[in-house]
Protein backbone atom coordinates (compact mmCIF):
# COMPACT_ATOMS: atom_id res chain seq x y z
CA UNK A 1 8.91 185.78 129.28
CA UNK A 2 7.04 189.54 128.60
CA UNK A 3 3.39 189.36 127.21
CA UNK A 4 0.89 191.71 126.37
CA UNK A 5 -2.65 191.73 127.50
CA UNK A 6 -5.23 194.30 126.15
CA UNK A 7 -8.66 194.38 127.32
CA UNK A 8 -12.00 196.91 126.96
CA UNK A 9 -12.83 196.05 124.13
CA UNK A 10 -17.02 195.68 123.01
CA UNK A 11 -19.72 196.15 121.34
CA UNK A 12 -20.49 199.86 121.22
CA UNK A 13 -22.66 202.83 119.83
CA UNK A 14 -21.43 205.97 117.89
CA UNK A 15 -20.72 208.28 120.09
CA UNK A 16 -20.41 206.04 123.41
CA UNK A 17 -16.57 206.62 124.85
CA UNK A 18 -14.51 203.13 125.33
CA UNK A 19 -10.92 202.65 127.54
CA UNK A 20 -8.95 200.06 126.94
CA UNK A 21 -5.86 199.10 128.49
CA UNK A 22 -2.69 196.93 128.34
CA UNK A 23 -1.20 195.23 130.96
CA UNK A 24 2.09 193.13 131.26
CA UNK A 25 3.16 189.98 132.59
CA UNK A 26 6.99 190.46 132.73
CA UNK A 27 9.32 193.20 133.01
CA UNK A 28 10.63 195.64 130.29
CA UNK A 29 12.95 197.60 130.90
CA UNK A 30 13.73 200.83 128.91
CA UNK A 31 10.83 201.65 127.56
CA UNK A 32 10.61 204.31 124.78
CA UNK A 33 7.32 204.06 123.17
CA UNK A 34 3.98 203.04 124.08
CA UNK A 35 1.63 203.14 121.29
CA UNK A 36 -1.58 201.47 120.43
CA UNK A 37 -2.54 200.53 116.72
CA UNK A 38 -5.64 198.94 115.22
CA UNK A 39 -6.39 197.04 112.04
CA UNK A 40 -10.17 197.45 110.46
CA UNK A 41 -10.77 194.21 108.38
CA UNK A 42 -9.18 194.33 104.86
CA UNK A 43 -7.30 197.57 106.02
CA UNK A 44 -3.51 197.54 107.33
CA UNK A 45 -2.57 197.91 111.06
CA UNK A 46 -1.79 201.54 111.31
CA UNK A 47 -1.14 204.09 113.71
CA UNK A 48 -3.87 205.14 116.76
CA UNK A 49 -1.20 207.14 119.22
CA UNK A 50 1.49 206.68 121.36
CA UNK A 51 3.13 208.32 123.56
CA UNK A 52 7.18 208.91 124.04
CA UNK A 53 9.51 207.93 126.81
CA UNK A 54 9.62 212.67 127.81
CA UNK A 55 5.68 211.66 127.52
CA UNK A 56 5.08 213.88 124.22
CA UNK A 57 2.07 211.89 122.39
CA UNK A 58 1.80 211.82 118.46
CA UNK A 59 -1.87 210.74 117.46
CA UNK A 60 -3.35 210.06 114.14
CA UNK A 61 -5.15 212.69 112.87
CA UNK A 62 -8.33 210.45 112.59
CA UNK A 63 -8.50 210.06 116.58
CA UNK A 64 -7.22 213.85 117.16
CA UNK A 65 -9.32 215.02 120.23
CA UNK A 66 -11.34 212.07 120.86
CA UNK A 67 -8.10 210.08 121.26
CA UNK A 68 -6.58 209.88 124.63
CA UNK A 69 -3.93 207.59 125.87
CA UNK A 70 -2.16 207.44 128.90
CA UNK A 71 0.71 205.44 130.11
CA UNK A 72 2.36 204.66 134.17
CA UNK A 73 5.41 203.27 133.18
CA UNK A 74 6.47 201.78 137.08
CA UNK A 75 3.53 199.50 135.93
CA UNK A 76 3.77 199.07 132.25
CA UNK A 77 0.64 199.55 131.03
CA UNK A 78 -0.58 202.05 129.10
CA UNK A 79 -4.97 203.24 128.38
CA UNK A 80 -6.40 203.91 125.32
CA UNK A 81 -9.35 206.24 126.54
CA UNK A 82 -11.54 206.65 123.14
CA UNK A 83 -14.55 208.92 123.07
CA UNK A 84 -17.03 210.09 120.61
CA UNK A 85 -16.87 206.39 118.51
CA UNK A 86 -17.49 206.43 115.54
CA UNK A 87 -18.34 203.42 113.42
CA UNK A 88 -14.48 203.93 111.41
CA UNK A 89 -12.95 203.49 114.20
CA UNK A 90 -14.34 199.81 114.28
CA UNK A 91 -10.95 197.43 114.74
CA UNK A 92 -8.86 195.14 116.20
CA UNK A 93 -6.44 197.82 118.88
CA UNK A 94 -3.16 196.52 119.75
CA UNK A 95 -0.76 197.92 122.38
CA UNK A 96 2.85 198.19 121.20
CA UNK A 97 6.01 198.94 124.01
CA UNK A 98 9.14 199.42 122.81
CA UNK A 99 12.27 199.39 124.38
CA UNK A 100 15.90 200.10 123.86
CA UNK A 101 16.52 196.68 123.60
CA UNK A 102 13.74 195.95 121.06
CA UNK A 103 12.69 198.59 119.59
CA UNK A 104 10.32 196.61 117.25
CA UNK A 105 7.95 196.70 120.18
CA UNK A 106 6.35 193.82 122.14
CA UNK A 107 2.29 193.20 120.44
CA UNK A 108 -0.39 192.02 122.47
CA UNK A 109 -2.99 190.11 121.14
CA UNK A 110 -5.50 192.85 120.19
CA UNK A 111 -8.89 194.11 121.32
CA UNK A 112 -12.01 193.87 119.69
CA UNK A 113 -13.89 196.60 119.68
CA UNK A 114 -16.67 197.62 117.50
CA UNK A 115 -19.08 200.93 116.85
CA UNK A 116 -22.37 200.73 115.51
CA UNK A 117 -24.19 203.74 113.75
């Protein structure tokens, strides 16, 4: 059974950087997308960034130029490098890995990121 585990969250100050990592237990074949989402209190879960099978990336406008998603398909890992963090980046961050057989993707439990002003 595939499980995703996020790590790297924490409490930081505005302007700081943080790197989130998502590791998998169990092999995922035919990966199509590797993505990070976040959900702030009282808000819907939103896409932060995604990297597709061919390596192309897409980011939410709110994080463009500050966040970078990277992956290691062989290891089934995906990272999110976050810089110039803002209080509005505070949320629980989730990784999601989609595949041809499971397009809705596998989800991790999430990791809390709190940015103080």
